[in-house]
Amino acid sequence: MNSKYVNWYGQNIKLTWMKNYEPPINLVTSVHGWCFLEGKVLLVLIKNRGFNMPGGHVEHGETPKQTFCREAFEEGYVKGTIHYLGALEVNHHDNPLFDPNGKYPSVGYQLFYRMDITECLPFLRQHESITRIWVEPDQVPYIMEDHELALQILSDALKVVVQ
């Protein structure tokens, strides 16, 4: 396991990458994933967030897999086969600003997937993404501003053997 403290909107949060770990479903707050096409990675430009991988919150009645497929389509206009990578634990125990009555648990999880794109559709900008780009995996740190664990998850996604 690899941990890192990050500052999210002024709050001190401990993140821990847990490869292949499947947390209790009631503690999953969002799903995200790295999408690949011809050796390149999909990044989407999300309003007010910059470039990132597709992902978002689980809606009522959805499984995490359904959520990731929906988010990849809504944000990147792609479809494909997915492989579960693991969970990022989001721990607020050292966060003095944590609101116990807020919408997130004190310890929650973001699930991560790898998608091998089988269908790339026209980009229509009907949702929150502004554009999509395809980049070499080694260029991601120069484009996407995120915590270093995101790059660890990308590294793990690159190690998945596609069948």
N, C-alpha and C. Protein backbone atom coordinates (compact mmCIF):
# COMPACT_ATOMS: atom_id res chain seq x y z
N MET A 1 0.85 -1.18 0.00
CA MET A 1 0.00 0.00 0.00
C MET A 1 0.88 1.23 0.00
N ASN A 2 0.45 2.25 -0.70
CA ASN A 2 1.19 3.48 -0.84
C ASN A 2 0.27 4.62 -0.39
N SER A 3 0.72 5.45 0.57
CA SER A 3 -0.12 6.53 1.11
C SER A 3 0.51 7.89 0.86
N LYS A 4 -0.35 8.91 0.82
CA LYS A 4 0.09 10.28 0.62
C LYS A 4 -0.97 11.21 1.19
N TYR A 5 -0.52 12.28 1.82
CA TYR A 5 -1.45 13.33 2.26
C TYR A 5 -1.58 14.35 1.15
N VAL A 6 -2.81 14.80 0.92
CA VAL A 6 -3.08 15.81 -0.10
C VAL A 6 -3.93 16.92 0.51
N ASN A 7 -3.90 18.05 -0.14
CA ASN A 7 -4.73 19.19 0.25
C ASN A 7 -5.81 19.33 -0.80
N TRP A 8 -7.02 18.92 -0.43
CA TRP A 8 -8.17 19.06 -1.33
C TRP A 8 -9.05 20.18 -0.79
N TYR A 9 -9.06 21.28 -1.51
CA TYR A 9 -9.91 22.42 -1.14
C TYR A 9 -9.68 22.85 0.31
N GLY A 10 -8.40 22.91 0.73
CA GLY A 10 -8.04 23.35 2.06
C GLY A 10 -8.16 22.29 3.13
N GLN A 11 -8.46 21.07 2.76
CA GLN A 11 -8.62 19.99 3.74
C GLN A 11 -7.48 18.98 3.60
N ASN A 12 -6.93 18.56 4.74
CA ASN A 12 -5.84 17.60 4.80
C ASN A 12 -6.40 16.18 4.79
N ILE A 13 -6.14 15.44 3.70
CA ILE A 13 -6.75 14.13 3.51
C ILE A 13 -5.66 13.11 3.20
N LYS A 14 -5.76 11.96 3.84
CA LYS A 14 -4.81 10.87 3.59
C LYS A 14 -5.38 9.94 2.52
N LEU A 15 -4.62 9.72 1.46
CA LEU A 15 -5.00 8.81 0.40
C LEU A 15 -4.10 7.59 0.44
N THR A 16 -4.69 6.42 0.29
CA THR A 16 -3.92 5.18 0.26
C THR A 16 -4.38 4.33 -0.92
N TRP A 17 -3.44 4.00 -1.81
CA TRP A 17 -3.76 3.15 -2.95
C TRP A 17 -3.70 1.69 -2.50
N MET A 18 -4.79 0.96 -2.78
CA MET A 18 -4.93 -0.43 -2.36
C MET A 18 -5.25 -1.27 -3.60
N LYS A 19 -4.20 -1.71 -4.27
CA LYS A 19 -4.35 -2.48 -5.51
C LYS A 19 -5.15 -3.74 -5.25
N ASN A 20 -6.12 -3.99 -6.13
CA ASN A 20 -6.99 -5.17 -6.11
C ASN A 20 -7.94 -5.25 -4.91
N TYR A 21 -7.90 -4.29 -4.01
CA TYR A 21 -8.78 -4.31 -2.83
C TYR A 21 -10.20 -3.93 -3.24
N GLU A 22 -11.17 -4.68 -2.72
CA GLU A 22 -12.58 -4.38 -2.97
C GLU A 22 -13.23 -3.98 -1.65
N PRO A 23 -13.47 -2.69 -1.45
CA PRO A 23 -14.04 -2.22 -0.19
C PRO A 23 -15.54 -2.49 -0.11
N PRO A 24 -16.12 -2.32 1.07
CA PRO A 24 -17.58 -2.44 1.19
C PRO A 24 -18.26 -1.44 0.24
N ILE A 25 -19.23 -1.91 -0.49
CA ILE A 25 -19.89 -1.09 -1.52
C ILE A 25 -20.51 0.18 -0.95
N ASN A 26 -20.96 0.16 0.29
CA ASN A 26 -21.60 1.34 0.88
C ASN A 26 -20.59 2.45 1.19
N LEU A 27 -19.31 2.17 1.09
CA LEU A 27 -18.27 3.19 1.34
C LEU A 27 -17.66 3.73 0.05
N VAL A 28 -18.15 3.25 -1.10
CA VAL A 28 -17.64 3.72 -2.39
C VAL A 28 -18.33 5.04 -2.73
N THR A 29 -17.52 6.07 -2.93
CA THR A 29 -18.07 7.40 -3.23
C THR A 29 -17.98 7.76 -4.71
N SER A 30 -16.98 7.22 -5.41
CA SER A 30 -16.84 7.53 -6.83
C SER A 30 -16.00 6.47 -7.52
N VAL A 31 -16.02 6.49 -8.85
CA VAL A 31 -15.22 5.57 -9.65
C VAL A 31 -14.52 6.37 -10.74
N HIS A 32 -13.33 5.90 -11.11
CA HIS A 32 -12.51 6.60 -12.11
C HIS A 32 -11.75 5.56 -12.91
N GLY A 33 -11.13 5.97 -13.99
CA GLY A 33 -10.35 4.99 -14.72
C GLY A 33 -9.52 5.57 -15.83
N TRP A 34 -8.53 4.77 -16.17
CA TRP A 34 -7.63 5.09 -17.28
C TRP A 34 -8.16 4.36 -18.51
N CYS A 35 -8.35 5.11 -19.58
CA CYS A 35 -8.88 4.57 -20.83
C CYS A 35 -7.78 4.59 -21.89
N PHE A 36 -7.62 3.46 -22.58
CA PHE A 36 -6.53 3.31 -23.55
C PHE A 36 -7.06 3.01 -24.94
N LEU A 37 -6.41 3.64 -25.92
CA LEU A 37 -6.71 3.40 -27.33
C LEU A 37 -5.39 3.49 -28.09
N GLU A 38 -5.02 2.40 -28.72
CA GLU A 38 -3.80 2.35 -29.53
C GLU A 38 -2.58 2.84 -28.75
N GLY A 39 -2.48 2.43 -27.49
CA GLY A 39 -1.33 2.77 -26.66
C GLY A 39 -1.34 4.13 -26.03
N LYS A 40 -2.37 4.92 -26.32
CA LYS A 40 -2.47 6.27 -25.75
C LYS A 40 -3.55 6.31 -24.68
N VAL A 41 -3.43 7.30 -23.80
CA VAL A 41 -4.35 7.48 -22.68
C VAL A 41 -5.32 8.62 -22.99
N LEU A 42 -6.57 8.42 -22.63
CA LEU A 42 -7.59 9.46 -22.78
C LEU A 42 -7.56 10.37 -21.55
N LEU A 43 -7.46 11.68 -21.79
CA LEU A 43 -7.66 12.67 -20.74
C LEU A 43 -8.79 13.58 -21.19
N VAL A 44 -9.63 13.96 -20.25
CA VAL A 44 -10.74 14.84 -20.56
C VAL A 44 -10.58 16.14 -19.78
N LEU A 45 -10.94 17.22 -20.41
CA LEU A 45 -10.90 18.53 -19.76
C LEU A 45 -12.27 18.78 -19.15
N ILE A 46 -12.31 18.80 -17.82
CA ILE A 46 -13.56 18.98 -17.08
C ILE A 46 -13.63 20.43 -16.60
N LYS A 47 -14.78 21.05 -16.78
CA LYS A 47 -14.98 22.43 -16.33
C LYS A 47 -14.53 22.60 -14.89
N ASN A 48 -13.70 23.59 -14.63
CA ASN A 48 -13.20 23.96 -13.30
C ASN A 48 -12.32 22.91 -12.63
N ARG A 49 -11.88 21.87 -13.36
CA ARG A 49 -11.01 20.85 -12.75
C ARG A 49 -9.75 20.58 -13.55
N GLY A 50 -9.67 21.02 -14.78
CA GLY A 50 -8.51 20.72 -15.61
C GLY A 50 -8.61 19.34 -16.23
N PHE A 51 -7.48 18.91 -16.82
CA PHE A 51 -7.44 17.60 -17.46
C PHE A 51 -7.37 16.51 -16.42
N ASN A 52 -8.13 15.44 -16.65
CA ASN A 52 -8.13 14.32 -15.73
C ASN A 52 -8.65 13.09 -16.47
N MET A 53 -8.63 11.96 -15.78
CA MET A 53 -9.22 10.73 -16.33
C MET A 53 -10.73 10.80 -16.12
N PRO A 54 -11.50 10.08 -16.91
CA PRO A 54 -12.95 10.06 -16.68
C PRO A 54 -13.30 9.44 -15.33
N GLY A 55 -14.38 9.92 -14.75
CA GLY A 55 -14.86 9.36 -13.49
C GLY A 55 -15.91 10.24 -12.86
N GLY A 56 -16.54 9.70 -11.83
CA GLY A 56 -17.55 10.48 -11.13
C GLY A 56 -18.26 9.67 -10.06
N HIS A 57 -19.30 10.26 -9.53
CA HIS A 57 -20.04 9.68 -8.41
C HIS A 57 -21.00 8.59 -8.85
N VAL A 58 -21.15 7.61 -7.99
CA VAL A 58 -22.08 6.52 -8.22
C VAL A 58 -23.50 7.05 -7.99
N GLU A 59 -24.35 6.85 -8.97
CA GLU A 59 -25.74 7.28 -8.85
C GLU A 59 -26.58 6.14 -8.27
N HIS A 60 -27.68 6.51 -7.65
CA HIS A 60 -28.57 5.53 -7.02
C HIS A 60 -28.95 4.44 -8.02
N GLY A 61 -28.80 3.19 -7.60
CA GLY A 61 -29.17 2.06 -8.43
C GLY A 61 -28.08 1.56 -9.36
N GLU A 62 -26.94 2.25 -9.43
CA GLU A 62 -25.85 1.85 -10.31
C GLU A 62 -24.84 0.98 -9.57
N THR A 63 -24.23 0.07 -10.28
CA THR A 63 -23.05 -0.62 -9.76
C THR A 63 -21.84 0.25 -10.10
N PRO A 64 -20.72 0.06 -9.42
CA PRO A 64 -19.52 0.81 -9.78
C PRO A 64 -19.11 0.61 -11.24
N LYS A 65 -19.23 -0.60 -11.76
CA LYS A 65 -18.88 -0.85 -13.16
C LYS A 65 -19.78 -0.05 -14.09
N GLN A 66 -21.07 -0.03 -13.79
CA GLN A 66 -22.00 0.75 -14.62
C GLN A 66 -21.66 2.23 -14.55
N THR A 67 -21.30 2.69 -13.35
CA THR A 67 -20.94 4.10 -13.18
C THR A 67 -19.73 4.45 -14.03
N PHE A 68 -18.69 3.61 -13.97
CA PHE A 68 -17.50 3.94 -14.75
C PHE A 68 -17.80 3.95 -16.25
N CYS A 69 -18.55 2.97 -16.72
CA CYS A 69 -18.90 2.94 -18.14
C CYS A 69 -19.70 4.18 -18.53
N ARG A 70 -20.63 4.59 -17.67
CA ARG A 70 -21.42 5.80 -17.95
C ARG A 70 -20.53 7.03 -17.98
N GLU A 71 -19.66 7.17 -16.97
CA GLU A 71 -18.79 8.34 -16.90
C GLU A 71 -17.81 8.40 -18.07
N ALA A 72 -17.25 7.25 -18.47
CA ALA A 72 -16.34 7.23 -19.62
C ALA A 72 -17.07 7.67 -20.89
N PHE A 73 -18.34 7.26 -21.00
CA PHE A 73 -19.12 7.69 -22.17
C PHE A 73 -19.47 9.17 -22.07
N GLU A 74 -19.99 9.62 -20.92
CA GLU A 74 -20.41 11.01 -20.79
C GLU A 74 -19.24 11.99 -20.93
N GLU A 75 -18.09 11.65 -20.37
CA GLU A 75 -16.96 12.58 -20.37
C GLU A 75 -16.04 12.41 -21.57
N GLY A 76 -15.88 11.17 -22.05
CA GLY A 76 -14.95 10.94 -23.14
C GLY A 76 -15.55 10.40 -24.42
N TYR A 77 -16.84 10.07 -24.39
CA TYR A 77 -17.53 9.50 -25.54
C TYR A 77 -16.83 8.25 -26.04
N VAL A 78 -16.50 7.36 -25.09
CA VAL A 78 -15.87 6.09 -25.41
C VAL A 78 -16.60 4.95 -24.71
N LYS A 79 -16.46 3.77 -25.29
CA LYS A 79 -16.98 2.53 -24.71
C LYS A 79 -15.87 1.50 -24.83
N GLY A 80 -15.91 0.50 -23.94
CA GLY A 80 -14.89 -0.53 -24.03
C GLY A 80 -15.02 -1.58 -22.96
N THR A 81 -14.03 -2.44 -22.91
CA THR A 81 -13.98 -3.47 -21.89
C THR A 81 -13.20 -2.94 -20.69
N ILE A 82 -13.65 -3.30 -19.49
CA ILE A 82 -13.00 -2.76 -18.30
C ILE A 82 -12.44 -3.86 -17.43
N HIS A 83 -11.41 -3.46 -16.66
CA HIS A 83 -10.72 -4.36 -15.73
C HIS A 83 -10.55 -3.59 -14.42
N TYR A 84 -10.95 -4.20 -13.31
CA TYR A 84 -10.84 -3.55 -12.01
C TYR A 84 -9.39 -3.51 -11.56
N LEU A 85 -8.95 -2.34 -11.06
CA LEU A 85 -7.57 -2.17 -10.60
C LEU A 85 -7.43 -2.15 -9.08
N GLY A 86 -8.35 -1.48 -8.39
CA GLY A 86 -8.25 -1.37 -6.94
C GLY A 86 -8.98 -0.16 -6.43
N ALA A 87 -8.70 0.17 -5.15
CA ALA A 87 -9.41 1.26 -4.48
C ALA A 87 -8.43 2.25 -3.88
N LEU A 88 -8.80 3.50 -3.94
CA LEU A 88 -8.07 4.57 -3.28
C LEU A 88 -8.87 4.91 -2.02
N GLU A 89 -8.26 4.65 -0.86
CA GLU A 89 -8.92 4.99 0.40
C GLU A 89 -8.76 6.49 0.64
N VAL A 90 -9.85 7.16 0.93
CA VAL A 90 -9.87 8.59 1.23
C VAL A 90 -10.21 8.71 2.71
N ASN A 91 -9.20 9.07 3.51
CA ASN A 91 -9.32 9.03 4.96
C ASN A 91 -9.25 10.46 5.53
N HIS A 92 -10.29 10.84 6.25
CA HIS A 92 -10.40 12.18 6.82
C HIS A 92 -10.03 12.24 8.31
N HIS A 93 -9.48 11.17 8.87
CA HIS A 93 -9.21 11.15 10.32
C HIS A 93 -8.27 12.25 10.78
N ASP A 94 -7.35 12.71 9.94
CA ASP A 94 -6.44 13.79 10.29
C ASP A 94 -6.89 15.13 9.71
N ASN A 95 -8.14 15.22 9.34
CA ASN A 95 -8.68 16.43 8.72
C ASN A 95 -9.56 17.18 9.72
N PRO A 96 -9.04 18.25 10.33
CA PRO A 96 -9.83 18.98 11.33
C PRO A 96 -11.07 19.67 10.74
N LEU A 97 -11.12 19.81 9.42
CA LEU A 97 -12.26 20.48 8.77
C LEU A 97 -13.34 19.48 8.32
N PHE A 98 -13.12 18.19 8.58
CA PHE A 98 -14.10 17.20 8.13
C PHE A 98 -15.46 17.43 8.79
N ASP A 99 -16.50 17.38 7.96
CA ASP A 99 -17.87 17.55 8.44
C ASP A 99 -18.52 16.17 8.56
N PRO A 100 -18.70 15.66 9.79
CA PRO A 100 -19.31 14.33 9.95
C PRO A 100 -20.75 14.26 9.47
N ASN A 101 -21.37 15.41 9.26
CA ASN A 101 -22.74 15.44 8.75
C ASN A 101 -22.80 15.70 7.25
N GLY A 102 -21.63 15.74 6.60
CA GLY A 102 -21.56 15.99 5.16
C GLY A 102 -21.91 14.75 4.35
N LYS A 103 -21.71 14.85 3.04
CA LYS A 103 -22.12 13.76 2.17
C LYS A 103 -21.10 12.63 2.05
N TYR A 104 -19.88 12.82 2.61
CA TYR A 104 -18.86 11.79 2.51
C TYR A 104 -18.59 11.14 3.86
N PRO A 105 -18.26 9.83 3.86
CA PRO A 105 -17.89 9.16 5.11
C PRO A 105 -16.48 9.58 5.54
N SER A 106 -16.15 9.35 6.81
CA SER A 106 -14.80 9.72 7.28
C SER A 106 -13.74 8.88 6.59
N VAL A 107 -14.08 7.67 6.20
CA VAL A 107 -13.22 6.84 5.35
C VAL A 107 -14.09 6.31 4.22
N GLY A 108 -13.75 6.73 3.01
CA GLY A 108 -14.48 6.30 1.82
C GLY A 108 -13.50 5.79 0.78
N TYR A 109 -14.05 5.34 -0.33
CA TYR A 109 -13.20 4.74 -1.35
C TYR A 109 -13.58 5.22 -2.74
N GLN A 110 -12.56 5.45 -3.56
CA GLN A 110 -12.72 5.69 -4.98
C GLN A 110 -12.20 4.46 -5.69
N LEU A 111 -13.03 3.85 -6.53
CA LEU A 111 -12.61 2.66 -7.26
C LEU A 111 -12.01 3.06 -8.60
N PHE A 112 -11.04 2.26 -9.05
CA PHE A 112 -10.34 2.57 -10.30
C PHE A 112 -10.36 1.37 -11.25
N TYR A 113 -10.52 1.69 -12.53
CA TYR A 113 -10.60 0.70 -13.59
C TYR A 113 -9.64 1.05 -14.73
N ARG A 114 -9.37 0.05 -15.54
CA ARG A 114 -8.71 0.25 -16.83
C ARG A 114 -9.76 -0.08 -17.88
N MET A 115 -9.89 0.81 -18.87
CA MET A 115 -10.77 0.53 -20.00
C MET A 115 -9.93 0.43 -21.26
N ASP A 116 -10.16 -0.64 -22.01
CA ASP A 116 -9.59 -0.77 -23.34
C ASP A 116 -10.70 -0.42 -24.30
N ILE A 117 -10.54 0.71 -24.95
CA ILE A 117 -11.60 1.29 -25.77
C ILE A 117 -11.85 0.43 -27.01
N THR A 118 -13.12 0.12 -27.22
CA THR A 118 -13.54 -0.63 -28.40
C THR A 118 -14.37 0.24 -29.34
N GLU A 119 -14.85 1.36 -28.82
CA GLU A 119 -15.67 2.28 -29.63
C GLU A 119 -15.41 3.72 -29.20
N CYS A 120 -14.97 4.53 -30.16
CA CYS A 120 -14.72 5.95 -29.91
C CYS A 120 -15.73 6.73 -30.75
N LEU A 121 -16.63 7.42 -30.05
CA LEU A 121 -17.73 8.12 -30.71
C LEU A 121 -17.41 9.61 -30.88
N PRO A 122 -18.14 10.30 -31.73
CA PRO A 122 -17.92 11.74 -31.88
C PRO A 122 -18.07 12.46 -30.54
N PHE A 123 -17.21 13.43 -30.32
CA PHE A 123 -17.22 14.19 -29.07
C PHE A 123 -18.25 15.32 -29.19
N LEU A 124 -19.31 15.25 -28.39
CA LEU A 124 -20.44 16.16 -28.55
C LEU A 124 -20.56 17.27 -27.50
N ARG A 125 -19.75 17.24 -26.44
CA ARG A 125 -19.80 18.26 -25.38
C ARG A 125 -21.19 18.42 -24.76
N GLN A 126 -21.88 17.33 -24.52
CA GLN A 126 -23.21 17.41 -23.94
C GLN A 126 -23.19 17.33 -22.42
N HIS A 127 -22.05 17.06 -21.84
CA HIS A 127 -21.95 16.90 -20.39
C HIS A 127 -20.91 17.89 -19.86
N GLU A 128 -20.22 17.56 -18.79
CA GLU A 128 -19.31 18.53 -18.16
C GLU A 128 -17.94 18.63 -18.80
N SER A 129 -17.61 17.74 -19.73
CA SER A 129 -16.29 17.81 -20.35
C SER A 129 -16.29 18.78 -21.53
N ILE A 130 -15.16 19.46 -21.67
CA ILE A 130 -15.00 20.47 -22.71
C ILE A 130 -14.31 19.89 -23.93
N THR A 131 -13.33 19.02 -23.70
CA THR A 131 -12.61 18.38 -24.79
C THR A 131 -11.97 17.10 -24.29
N ARG A 132 -11.46 16.32 -25.22
CA ARG A 132 -10.69 15.12 -24.89
C ARG A 132 -9.41 15.14 -25.69
N ILE A 133 -8.37 14.55 -25.10
CA ILE A 133 -7.11 14.45 -25.81
C ILE A 133 -6.55 13.04 -25.59
N TRP A 134 -5.67 12.63 -26.48
CA TRP A 134 -5.00 11.33 -26.40
C TRP A 134 -3.53 11.61 -26.21
N VAL A 135 -2.94 11.05 -25.16
CA VAL A 135 -1.53 11.32 -24.86
C VAL A 135 -0.78 10.02 -24.59
N GLU A 136 0.52 10.09 -24.83
CA GLU A 136 1.40 8.98 -24.45
C GLU A 136 1.38 8.90 -22.92
N PRO A 137 1.36 7.70 -22.35
CA PRO A 137 1.30 7.58 -20.89
C PRO A 137 2.39 8.34 -20.14
N ASP A 138 3.59 8.42 -20.71
CA ASP A 138 4.67 9.14 -20.02
C ASP A 138 4.50 10.65 -20.04
N GLN A 139 3.54 11.15 -20.80
CA GLN A 139 3.28 12.59 -20.87
C GLN A 139 2.20 13.05 -19.88
N VAL A 140 1.48 12.10 -19.27
CA VAL A 140 0.39 12.42 -18.36
C VAL A 140 0.81 13.38 -17.24
N PRO A 141 1.98 13.19 -16.59
CA PRO A 141 2.35 14.10 -15.49
C PRO A 141 2.52 15.56 -15.91
N TYR A 142 2.74 15.79 -17.21
CA TYR A 142 2.94 17.15 -17.70
C TYR A 142 1.63 17.83 -18.08
N ILE A 143 0.55 17.07 -18.11
CA ILE A 143 -0.75 17.60 -18.53
C ILE A 143 -1.76 17.60 -17.40
N MET A 144 -1.79 16.52 -16.64
CA MET A 144 -2.78 16.35 -15.58
C MET A 144 -2.20 16.73 -14.24
N GLU A 145 -2.84 17.65 -13.55
CA GLU A 145 -2.41 18.04 -12.22
C GLU A 145 -3.21 17.26 -11.20
N ASP A 146 -2.59 16.25 -10.61
CA ASP A 146 -3.25 15.40 -9.64
C ASP A 146 -2.19 14.86 -8.69
N HIS A 147 -2.59 14.12 -7.69
CA HIS A 147 -1.65 13.55 -6.73
C HIS A 147 -0.83 12.44 -7.39
N GLU A 148 0.33 12.15 -6.81
CA GLU A 148 1.23 11.15 -7.39
C GLU A 148 0.64 9.74 -7.38
N LEU A 149 -0.34 9.49 -6.52
CA LEU A 149 -0.95 8.15 -6.53
C LEU A 149 -1.72 7.90 -7.82
N ALA A 150 -2.21 8.96 -8.46
CA ALA A 150 -2.87 8.80 -9.75
C ALA A 150 -1.90 8.21 -10.76
N LEU A 151 -0.63 8.60 -10.67
CA LEU A 151 0.38 8.06 -11.57
C LEU A 151 0.73 6.62 -11.21
N GLN A 152 0.67 6.28 -9.92
CA GLN A 152 0.87 4.90 -9.50
C GLN A 152 -0.24 4.02 -10.07
N ILE A 153 -1.46 4.53 -10.03
CA ILE A 153 -2.60 3.78 -10.56
C ILE A 153 -2.45 3.62 -12.08
N LEU A 154 -1.97 4.67 -12.75
CA LEU A 154 -1.71 4.57 -14.19
C LEU A 154 -0.66 3.50 -14.46
N SER A 155 0.39 3.48 -13.66
CA SER A 155 1.43 2.47 -13.81
C SER A 155 0.85 1.07 -13.64
N ASP A 156 -0.01 0.90 -12.65
CA ASP A 156 -0.66 -0.41 -12.46
C ASP A 156 -1.58 -0.76 -13.63
N ALA A 157 -2.26 0.24 -14.17
CA ALA A 157 -3.14 0.00 -15.32
C ALA A 157 -2.33 -0.44 -16.54
N LEU A 158 -1.15 0.13 -16.70
CA LEU A 158 -0.30 -0.23 -17.84
C LEU A 158 0.22 -1.67 -17.74
N LYS A 159 0.26 -2.22 -16.54
CA LYS A 159 0.76 -3.58 -16.32
C LYS A 159 -0.30 -4.64 -16.58
N VAL A 160 -1.55 -4.23 -16.73
CA VAL A 160 -2.62 -5.20 -16.98
C VAL A 160 -2.43 -5.80 -18.37
N VAL A 161 -2.46 -7.10 -18.44
CA VAL A 161 -2.31 -7.79 -19.72
C VAL A 161 -3.68 -7.82 -20.40
N VAL A 162 -3.77 -7.19 -21.54
CA VAL A 162 -5.03 -7.12 -22.29
C VAL A 162 -5.18 -8.40 -23.11
N GLN A 163 -6.35 -9.01 -23.00
CA GLN A 163 -6.57 -10.28 -23.72
C GLN A 163 -7.40 -10.07 -24.95
